[in-house]
Amino acid sequence: IAKAVYNSTAHMFEGSCFLEDVRERSMPYGGLVELQNTILSEILGVKEVKVTNVDKGVNVIKKMLKGRKLLLVLDDVNLLDQLNKLVGGSDWFGTGSRIVLTTRDKHLLIAHQVNLMYEVEKLDHYESLKLFTSWNSFSRNGHLDGDYVELANNVVDYAQ
C-alpha cells in the first residue's frame, strides 16, 4: 500500500524517497547513517552525500531539506530512534510534506505523535491463499499444483 501511494503521488512533491526495510537496514553499525545518506542523496539528486555520523546526519537533513515539500516513506520501522534520526519533527521539512510510515507497532506511531493512522485489515484465509498463490512459483495461473495445496494452506495458516 505504501509503495502504491509513493508511486502515485511522488510527482507532486519537490523531492521524494522510499526507504525499504528500515528495521533490517538500520541494524548493522552505521545503518542509520547509510539511511540518512540515502534520504539526502535521493532528494537532492546528488550521489556523493557523505554524512559520517548520526548526529551530523540529523543536522544536515534539517538544514538541507528545511522548507522543501517532500514525500518520505519509511517502510518497516521498529524503533522510535529510527524516526527521530531519519524524519525528526514536523519542523524538519516544508509545508505540504508527507511522511508515510509502515510499522507493526502502533505504539511507535503514538510516541512519535503521528497525526493520521491507517490500520490495514487482515486478509481472510481465502484472500491470503489467493495472494500467496499469485506470488508463488508452485502455482500456474494462480492455481496450485496438486501436491502443494496442503503446503500452501499450512503456510497461510501459519502466517495468520
Protein backbone atom coordinates (compact mmCIF):
# COMPACT_ATOMS: atom_id res chain seq x y z
CA ILE A 1 0.00 0.00 0.00
CA ALA A 2 2.80 2.41 0.92
CA LYS A 3 4.64 1.71 -2.34
CA ALA A 4 1.44 2.34 -4.32
CA VAL A 5 0.89 5.66 -2.51
CA TYR A 6 4.50 6.61 -3.20
CA ASN A 7 4.37 5.67 -6.89
CA SER A 8 1.13 7.53 -7.48
CA THR A 9 1.97 10.74 -5.58
CA ALA A 10 5.75 11.27 -5.68
CA HIS A 11 5.45 13.56 -8.72
CA MET A 12 3.51 16.09 -6.62
CA PHE A 13 6.50 16.83 -4.37
CA GLU A 14 9.80 18.68 -4.76
CA GLY A 15 11.60 15.53 -3.69
CA SER A 16 10.81 12.02 -2.56
CA CYS A 17 12.45 8.97 -1.05
CA PHE A 18 11.20 5.46 -0.32
CA LEU A 19 13.28 3.66 2.32
CA GLU A 20 12.53 -0.06 2.32
CA ASP A 21 13.22 -2.39 5.25
CA VAL A 22 14.29 0.27 7.75
CA ARG A 23 14.28 -2.36 10.52
CA GLU A 24 16.86 -4.53 8.75
CA ARG A 25 18.92 -1.78 7.15
CA SER A 26 19.38 0.19 10.38
CA MET A 27 20.62 -2.78 12.44
CA PRO A 28 24.27 -3.03 11.38
CA TYR A 29 26.76 -0.49 12.71
CA GLY A 30 26.37 2.64 10.61
CA GLY A 31 22.97 1.58 9.28
CA LEU A 32 21.17 4.77 10.29
CA VAL A 33 23.94 6.86 8.75
CA GLU A 34 23.54 4.96 5.47
CA LEU A 35 19.77 5.58 5.56
CA GLN A 36 20.37 9.29 6.21
CA ASN A 37 22.76 9.38 3.25
CA THR A 38 20.14 7.66 1.09
CA ILE A 39 17.49 10.25 2.00
CA LEU A 40 19.82 13.13 1.21
CA SER A 41 21.14 11.58 -1.98
CA GLU A 42 17.72 10.73 -3.43
CA ILE A 43 16.09 14.04 -2.55
CA LEU A 44 19.00 16.29 -3.51
CA GLY A 45 19.85 14.21 -6.58
CA VAL A 46 23.50 14.03 -5.57
CA LYS A 47 25.45 10.77 -5.47
CA GLU A 48 28.23 11.83 -3.12
CA VAL A 49 26.49 12.78 0.11
CA LYS A 50 28.65 11.56 2.95
CA VAL A 51 27.28 12.04 6.42
CA THR A 52 29.75 10.38 8.79
CA ASN A 53 27.71 10.02 11.98
CA VAL A 54 24.06 10.04 13.02
CA ASP A 55 24.10 13.38 14.84
CA LYS A 56 25.69 15.15 11.87
CA GLY A 57 23.12 13.42 9.66
CA VAL A 58 20.27 14.88 11.72
CA ASN A 59 21.73 18.38 11.37
CA VAL A 60 22.38 18.02 7.63
CA ILE A 61 18.87 16.68 6.94
CA LYS A 62 17.28 19.52 8.93
CA LYS A 63 19.44 22.16 7.22
CA MET A 64 19.35 20.88 3.62
CA LEU A 65 15.70 19.79 3.49
CA LYS A 66 14.04 22.50 5.59
CA GLY A 67 11.30 24.28 3.68
CA ARG A 68 11.06 21.66 0.92
CA LYS A 69 7.78 19.91 0.17
CA LEU A 70 8.79 16.24 0.39
CA LEU A 71 7.35 12.75 0.35
CA LEU A 72 9.24 10.32 2.55
CA VAL A 73 8.20 6.71 3.06
CA LEU A 74 9.86 4.66 5.79
CA ASP A 75 8.93 1.01 5.47
CA ASP A 76 9.05 -1.42 8.42
CA VAL A 77 10.14 0.95 11.19
CA ASN A 78 10.50 -0.69 14.59
CA LEU A 79 12.27 1.83 16.84
CA LEU A 80 11.46 5.39 17.86
CA ASP A 81 15.13 6.28 17.42
CA GLN A 82 14.84 5.47 13.69
CA LEU A 83 12.06 8.03 13.34
CA ASN A 84 13.88 10.63 15.42
CA LYS A 85 17.08 10.29 13.39
CA LEU A 86 15.53 9.99 9.92
CA VAL A 87 12.44 12.23 9.87
CA GLY A 88 12.52 14.00 13.25
CA GLY A 89 9.80 16.55 13.86
CA SER A 90 7.31 18.41 11.72
CA ASP A 91 9.69 21.40 11.52
CA TRP A 92 12.31 19.42 9.55
CA PHE A 93 10.51 19.75 6.21
CA GLY A 94 8.33 22.22 4.34
CA THR A 95 4.60 22.78 4.36
CA GLY A 96 2.71 20.08 2.50
CA SER A 97 5.32 17.40 3.14
CA ARG A 98 4.08 13.90 3.81
CA ILE A 99 5.80 11.23 5.87
CA VAL A 100 4.40 7.72 5.43
CA LEU A 101 5.46 5.11 7.97
CA THR A 102 4.81 1.39 7.99
CA THR A 103 5.27 -0.49 11.23
CA ARG A 104 3.91 -3.42 13.19
CA ASP A 105 3.97 -1.33 16.38
CA LYS A 106 1.11 1.15 16.72
CA HIS A 107 2.62 2.50 19.96
CA LEU A 108 5.61 3.71 17.96
CA LEU A 109 3.32 5.95 15.91
CA ILE A 110 1.64 7.28 19.02
CA ALA A 111 5.01 8.03 20.66
CA HIS A 112 6.11 9.95 17.53
CA GLN A 113 2.80 11.89 17.59
CA VAL A 114 1.68 10.76 14.14
CA ASN A 115 -1.39 12.72 13.00
CA LEU A 116 -3.17 10.11 10.90
CA MET A 117 -3.02 6.33 11.14
CA TYR A 118 -4.39 3.72 8.77
CA GLU A 119 -4.55 0.17 10.04
CA VAL A 120 -4.57 -2.47 7.32
CA GLU A 121 -7.15 -5.18 7.89
CA LYS A 122 -6.03 -8.79 8.00
CA LEU A 123 -6.91 -10.88 4.94
CA ASP A 124 -9.22 -13.84 5.44
CA HIS A 125 -7.95 -17.35 4.62
CA TYR A 126 -9.28 -17.33 1.05
CA GLU A 127 -7.81 -13.90 0.23
CA SER A 128 -4.48 -14.89 1.82
CA LEU A 129 -4.32 -18.10 -0.20
CA LYS A 130 -5.17 -16.23 -3.38
CA LEU A 131 -2.39 -13.70 -2.72
CA PHE A 132 0.10 -16.43 -1.83
CA THR A 133 -0.60 -18.41 -4.99
CA SER A 134 -0.25 -15.28 -7.13
CA TRP A 135 3.33 -14.85 -5.84
CA ASN A 136 4.23 -18.49 -5.52
CA SER A 137 6.29 -20.46 -8.00
CA PHE A 138 4.32 -23.63 -7.19
CA SER A 139 1.26 -22.34 -8.99
CA ARG A 140 0.28 -21.92 -12.59
CA ASN A 141 -2.04 -19.06 -13.49
CA GLY A 142 -2.91 -18.60 -9.82
CA HIS A 143 -3.82 -22.28 -9.29
CA LEU A 144 -1.70 -24.57 -7.16
CA ASP A 145 -0.30 -27.80 -8.47
CA GLY A 146 -1.91 -30.71 -6.64
CA ASP A 147 0.98 -31.58 -4.32
CA TYR A 148 1.24 -28.05 -2.97
CA VAL A 149 -2.36 -27.35 -1.90
CA GLU A 150 -1.86 -28.60 1.66
CA LEU A 151 1.52 -26.88 1.94
CA ALA A 152 0.06 -23.56 0.79
CA ASN A 153 -2.81 -23.85 3.28
CA ASN A 154 -0.30 -24.54 6.07
CA VAL A 155 1.79 -21.51 5.09
CA VAL A 156 -1.27 -19.24 5.08
CA ASP A 157 -2.47 -20.61 8.43
CA TYR A 158 0.98 -20.06 9.94
CA ALA A 159 1.23 -16.51 8.61
CA GLN A 160 -2.10 -15.51 10.12
